Amino acid sequence: MAVVLILSGITIIIFSLYSLLKEAKGPKGSNFKDILDNSTHNMDDTKMLIGEMRREFAETILELQQEIMRLKEGNSVVEEDITDSESEEAQDLNNMGEERETANSNNNVKINDIEKLLKEGYSIDEISEKLEINKGEILLIKDLYLK
């Protein structure tokens, strides 16, 4: 078994050396170094601009990631302040539940009002002015809830 492994290793080494010598003796421009040198010397303006844009995007993404990390750290500090007292936490949860119920009832009223006005033939602009709601919100409600 050891003899087979040694023969396999020697065969692989011989083929590797043969391919390296063949590449070195080949015509100019056929090996990796020549191709790399040729492409770096023949870059046109569009490729340069694309490279600069990629670099700018990478820097922007890095800045966004750093900002997210800062926000997470700030959020953890706020969470520590909230967890100081269990009674405050329970009270906050109750308040949040009440706020959600109020928001849901307000949303249902908006949906019903928009549906009513659409059935009456009002345009999106007219509904927006009448209910003092953004056009985007009206279109969203129309597409999501009123099919």
C-alpha atoms as a PDB file:
ATOM      1  CA  MET A   1       0.000   0.000   0.000  1.00  0.00           C
ATOM      2  CA  ALA A   2       2.834   2.394   0.855  1.00  0.00           C
ATOM      3  CA  VAL A   3       4.487   1.713  -2.501  1.00  0.00           C
ATOM      4  CA  VAL A   4       1.317   2.743  -4.351  1.00  0.00           C
ATOM      5  CA  LEU A   5       1.132   6.015  -2.399  1.00  0.00           C
ATOM      6  CA  ILE A   6       4.798   6.806  -3.054  1.00  0.00           C
ATOM      7  CA  LEU A   7       4.418   6.079  -6.778  1.00  0.00           C
ATOM      8  CA  SER A   8       1.278   8.252  -6.928  1.00  0.00           C
ATOM      9  CA  GLY A   9       3.084  11.125  -5.191  1.00  0.00           C
ATOM     10  CA  ILE A  10       6.093  10.889  -7.517  1.00  0.00           C
ATOM     11  CA  THR A  11       3.785  10.822 -10.571  1.00  0.00           C
ATOM     12  CA  ILE A  12       1.953  13.938  -9.405  1.00  0.00           C
ATOM     13  CA  ILE A  13       5.250  15.756  -8.781  1.00  0.00           C
ATOM     14  CA  ILE A  14       6.549  14.849 -12.250  1.00  0.00           C
ATOM     15  CA  PHE A  15       3.366  16.081 -13.972  1.00  0.00           C
ATOM     16  CA  SER A  16       3.438  19.313 -11.943  1.00  0.00           C
ATOM     17  CA  LEU A  17       7.053  20.026 -12.874  1.00  0.00           C
ATOM     18  CA  TYR A  18       6.323  19.204 -16.518  1.00  0.00           C
ATOM     19  CA  SER A  19       3.390  21.666 -16.612  1.00  0.00           C
ATOM     20  CA  LEU A  20       5.454  24.400 -14.899  1.00  0.00           C
ATOM     21  CA  LEU A  21       8.271  23.997 -17.427  1.00  0.00           C
ATOM     22  CA  LYS A  22       5.804  23.945 -20.299  1.00  0.00           C
ATOM     23  CA  GLU A  23       4.176  27.159 -19.033  1.00  0.00           C
ATOM     24  CA  ALA A  24       7.554  28.887 -18.639  1.00  0.00           C
ATOM     25  CA  LYS A  25       8.661  27.928 -22.167  1.00  0.00           C
ATOM     26  CA  GLY A  26       5.266  28.759 -23.751  1.00  0.00           C
ATOM     27  CA  PRO A  27       4.580  31.802 -25.912  1.00  0.00           C
ATOM     28  CA  LYS A  28       4.551  35.209 -24.250  1.00  0.00           C
ATOM     29  CA  GLY A  29       1.164  35.992 -22.724  1.00  0.00           C
ATOM     30  CA  SER A  30       0.180  32.430 -21.961  1.00  0.00           C
ATOM     31  CA  ASN A  31       1.067  32.347 -18.264  1.00  0.00           C
ATOM     32  CA  PHE A  32      -0.757  34.020 -15.392  1.00  0.00           C
ATOM     33  CA  LYS A  33       1.821  36.750 -14.753  1.00  0.00           C
ATOM     34  CA  ASP A  34       1.794  37.907 -18.384  1.00  0.00           C
ATOM     35  CA  ILE A  35      -2.010  37.946 -18.487  1.00  0.00           C
ATOM     36  CA  LEU A  36      -2.177  39.953 -15.248  1.00  0.00           C
ATOM     37  CA  ASP A  37       0.413  42.468 -16.449  1.00  0.00           C
ATOM     38  CA  ASN A  38      -1.385  42.841 -19.776  1.00  0.00           C
ATOM     39  CA  SER A  39      -4.776  43.443 -18.187  1.00  0.00           C
ATOM     40  CA  THR A  40      -3.436  46.029 -15.697  1.00  0.00           C
ATOM     41  CA  HIS A  41      -1.751  48.003 -18.484  1.00  0.00           C
ATOM     42  CA  ASN A  42      -4.769  47.890 -20.787  1.00  0.00           C
ATOM     43  CA  MET A  43      -7.477  49.069 -18.364  1.00  0.00           C
ATOM     44  CA  ASP A  44      -9.823  51.572 -19.945  1.00  0.00           C
ATOM     45  CA  ASP A  45     -11.683  54.409 -18.232  1.00  0.00           C
ATOM     46  CA  THR A  46     -14.905  52.462 -17.703  1.00  0.00           C
ATOM     47  CA  LYS A  47     -13.117  49.702 -15.821  1.00  0.00           C
ATOM     48  CA  MET A  48     -11.379  52.318 -13.686  1.00  0.00           C
ATOM     49  CA  LEU A  49     -14.722  53.981 -12.877  1.00  0.00           C
ATOM     50  CA  ILE A  50     -16.302  50.626 -12.042  1.00  0.00           C
ATOM     51  CA  GLY A  51     -13.408  49.905  -9.674  1.00  0.00           C
ATOM     52  CA  GLU A  52     -13.810  53.285  -7.985  1.00  0.00           C
ATOM     53  CA  MET A  53     -17.563  52.764  -7.604  1.00  0.00           C
ATOM     54  CA  ARG A  54     -17.012  49.333  -6.078  1.00  0.00           C
ATOM     55  CA  ARG A  55     -14.579  50.846  -3.602  1.00  0.00           C
ATOM     56  CA  GLU A  56     -17.057  53.610  -2.690  1.00  0.00           C
ATOM     57  CA  PHE A  57     -19.874  51.082  -2.224  1.00  0.00           C
ATOM     58  CA  ALA A  58     -17.639  48.952  -0.021  1.00  0.00           C
ATOM     59  CA  GLU A  59     -16.783  51.987   2.119  1.00  0.00           C
ATOM     60  CA  THR A  60     -20.455  52.951   2.379  1.00  0.00           C
ATOM     61  CA  ILE A  61     -21.446  49.445   3.435  1.00  0.00           C
ATOM     62  CA  LEU A  62     -18.681  49.452   6.031  1.00  0.00           C
ATOM     63  CA  GLU A  63     -19.927  52.765   7.432  1.00  0.00           C
ATOM     64  CA  LEU A  64     -23.487  51.406   7.594  1.00  0.00           C
ATOM     65  CA  GLN A  65     -22.328  48.284   9.412  1.00  0.00           C
ATOM     66  CA  GLN A  66     -20.423  50.407  11.926  1.00  0.00           C
ATOM     67  CA  GLU A  67     -23.496  52.601  12.484  1.00  0.00           C
ATOM     68  CA  ILE A  68     -25.659  49.518  13.044  1.00  0.00           C
ATOM     69  CA  MET A  69     -23.170  48.238  15.614  1.00  0.00           C
ATOM     70  CA  ARG A  70     -23.223  51.623  17.400  1.00  0.00           C
ATOM     71  CA  LEU A  71     -27.016  51.575  17.460  1.00  0.00           C
ATOM     72  CA  LYS A  72     -27.046  48.040  18.851  1.00  0.00           C
ATOM     73  CA  GLU A  73     -24.645  49.071  21.603  1.00  0.00           C
ATOM     74  CA  GLY A  74     -26.783  52.120  22.430  1.00  0.00           C
ATOM     75  CA  ASN A  75     -29.895  49.962  22.409  1.00  0.00           C
ATOM     76  CA  SER A  76     -28.366  47.516  24.881  1.00  0.00           C
ATOM     77  CA  VAL A  77     -27.661  50.407  27.276  1.00  0.00           C
ATOM     78  CA  VAL A  78     -31.300  51.497  27.031  1.00  0.00           C
ATOM     79  CA  GLU A  79     -32.456  47.917  27.627  1.00  0.00           C
ATOM     80  CA  GLU A  80     -30.348  47.740  30.807  1.00  0.00           C
ATOM     81  CA  ASP A  81     -32.040  50.882  32.115  1.00  0.00           C
ATOM     82  CA  ILE A  82     -35.482  49.427  31.460  1.00  0.00           C
ATOM     83  CA  THR A  83     -34.763  46.133  33.212  1.00  0.00           C
ATOM     84  CA  ASP A  84     -33.878  47.893  36.495  1.00  0.00           C
ATOM     85  CA  SER A  85     -37.355  47.398  37.863  1.00  0.00           C
ATOM     86  CA  GLU A  86     -39.736  44.534  37.094  1.00  0.00           C
ATOM     87  CA  SER A  87     -42.794  46.605  37.913  1.00  0.00           C
ATOM     88  CA  GLU A  88     -41.796  49.259  35.393  1.00  0.00           C
ATOM     89  CA  GLU A  89     -41.334  46.562  32.775  1.00  0.00           C
ATOM     90  CA  ALA A  90     -44.774  45.084  33.398  1.00  0.00           C
ATOM     91  CA  GLN A  91     -46.321  48.531  33.232  1.00  0.00           C
ATOM     92  CA  ASP A  92     -44.531  49.250  29.955  1.00  0.00           C
ATOM     93  CA  LEU A  93     -45.859  45.997  28.467  1.00  0.00           C
ATOM     94  CA  ASN A  94     -49.391  46.910  29.479  1.00  0.00           C
ATOM     95  CA  ASN A  95     -48.999  50.364  27.933  1.00  0.00           C
ATOM     96  CA  MET A  96     -47.635  48.860  24.718  1.00  0.00           C
ATOM     97  CA  GLY A  97     -50.599  46.500  24.484  1.00  0.00           C
ATOM     98  CA  GLU A  98     -52.992  49.411  24.897  1.00  0.00           C
ATOM     99  CA  GLU A  99     -51.133  51.432  22.263  1.00  0.00           C
ATOM    100  CA  ARG A 100     -51.308  48.531  19.813  1.00  0.00           C
ATOM    101  CA  GLU A 101     -55.035  48.186  20.357  1.00  0.00           C
ATOM    102  CA  THR A 102     -55.467  51.920  19.764  1.00  0.00           C
ATOM    103  CA  ALA A 103     -53.284  51.770  16.633  1.00  0.00           C
ATOM    104  CA  ASN A 104     -55.231  48.774  15.301  1.00  0.00           C
ATOM    105  CA  SER A 105     -58.547  50.524  15.834  1.00  0.00           C
ATOM    106  CA  ASN A 106     -57.179  53.661  14.126  1.00  0.00           C
ATOM    107  CA  ASN A 107     -55.963  51.534  11.211  1.00  0.00           C
ATOM    108  CA  ASN A 108     -59.349  49.845  10.893  1.00  0.00           C
ATOM    109  CA  VAL A 109     -61.031  53.253  10.831  1.00  0.00           C
ATOM    110  CA  LYS A 110     -58.631  54.409   8.091  1.00  0.00           C
ATOM    111  CA  ILE A 111     -59.237  51.265   6.064  1.00  0.00           C
ATOM    112  CA  ASN A 112     -63.009  51.602   6.388  1.00  0.00           C
ATOM    113  CA  ASP A 113     -62.948  55.313   5.496  1.00  0.00           C
ATOM    114  CA  ILE A 114     -60.719  54.748   2.472  1.00  0.00           C
ATOM    115  CA  GLU A 115     -62.858  51.852   1.283  1.00  0.00           C
ATOM    116  CA  LYS A 116     -66.005  53.954   1.632  1.00  0.00           C
ATOM    117  CA  LEU A 117     -64.533  56.913  -0.266  1.00  0.00           C
ATOM    118  CA  LEU A 118     -63.191  54.685  -3.037  1.00  0.00           C
ATOM    119  CA  LYS A 119     -66.637  53.131  -3.493  1.00  0.00           C
ATOM    120  CA  GLU A 120     -68.115  56.624  -3.700  1.00  0.00           C
ATOM    121  CA  GLY A 121     -65.755  57.351  -6.605  1.00  0.00           C
ATOM    122  CA  TYR A 122     -63.252  59.694  -5.016  1.00  0.00           C
ATOM    123  CA  SER A 123     -59.746  59.788  -6.496  1.00  0.00           C
ATOM    124  CA  ILE A 124     -56.607  59.027  -4.511  1.00  0.00           C
ATOM    125  CA  ASP A 125     -55.737  62.753  -4.407  1.00  0.00           C
ATOM    126  CA  GLU A 126     -59.177  63.688  -3.094  1.00  0.00           C
ATOM    127  CA  ILE A 127     -59.080  60.976  -0.429  1.00  0.00           C
ATOM    128  CA  SER A 128     -55.597  62.117   0.587  1.00  0.00           C
ATOM    129  CA  GLU A 129     -56.781  65.693   1.077  1.00  0.00           C
ATOM    130  CA  LYS A 130     -60.015  64.702   2.784  1.00  0.00           C
ATOM    131  CA  LEU A 131     -58.481  62.268   5.318  1.00  0.00           C
ATOM    132  CA  GLU A 132     -55.129  64.077   5.544  1.00  0.00           C
ATOM    133  CA  ILE A 133     -53.235  60.860   4.756  1.00  0.00           C
ATOM    134  CA  ASN A 134     -50.311  60.431   2.367  1.00  0.00           C
ATOM    135  CA  LYS A 135     -51.107  59.109  -1.097  1.00  0.00           C
ATOM    136  CA  GLY A 136     -48.616  56.278  -0.616  1.00  0.00           C
ATOM    137  CA  GLU A 137     -50.420  55.090   2.497  1.00  0.00           C
ATOM    138  CA  ILE A 138     -53.755  55.159   0.663  1.00  0.00           C
ATOM    139  CA  LEU A 139     -52.327  53.180  -2.255  1.00  0.00           C
ATOM    140  CA  LEU A 140     -50.790  50.685   0.155  1.00  0.00           C
ATOM    141  CA  ILE A 141     -54.067  50.180   2.002  1.00  0.00           C
ATOM    142  CA  LYS A 142     -55.918  49.888  -1.297  1.00  0.00           C
ATOM    143  CA  ASP A 143     -53.515  47.223  -2.600  1.00  0.00           C
ATOM    144  CA  LEU A 144     -53.157  45.245   0.633  1.00  0.00           C
ATOM    145  CA  TYR A 145     -56.587  45.371   2.226  1.00  0.00           C
ATOM    146  CA  LEU A 146     -59.076  46.331  -0.458  1.00  0.00           C
ATOM    147  CA  LYS A 147     -58.979  43.725  -3.192  1.00  0.00           C
END
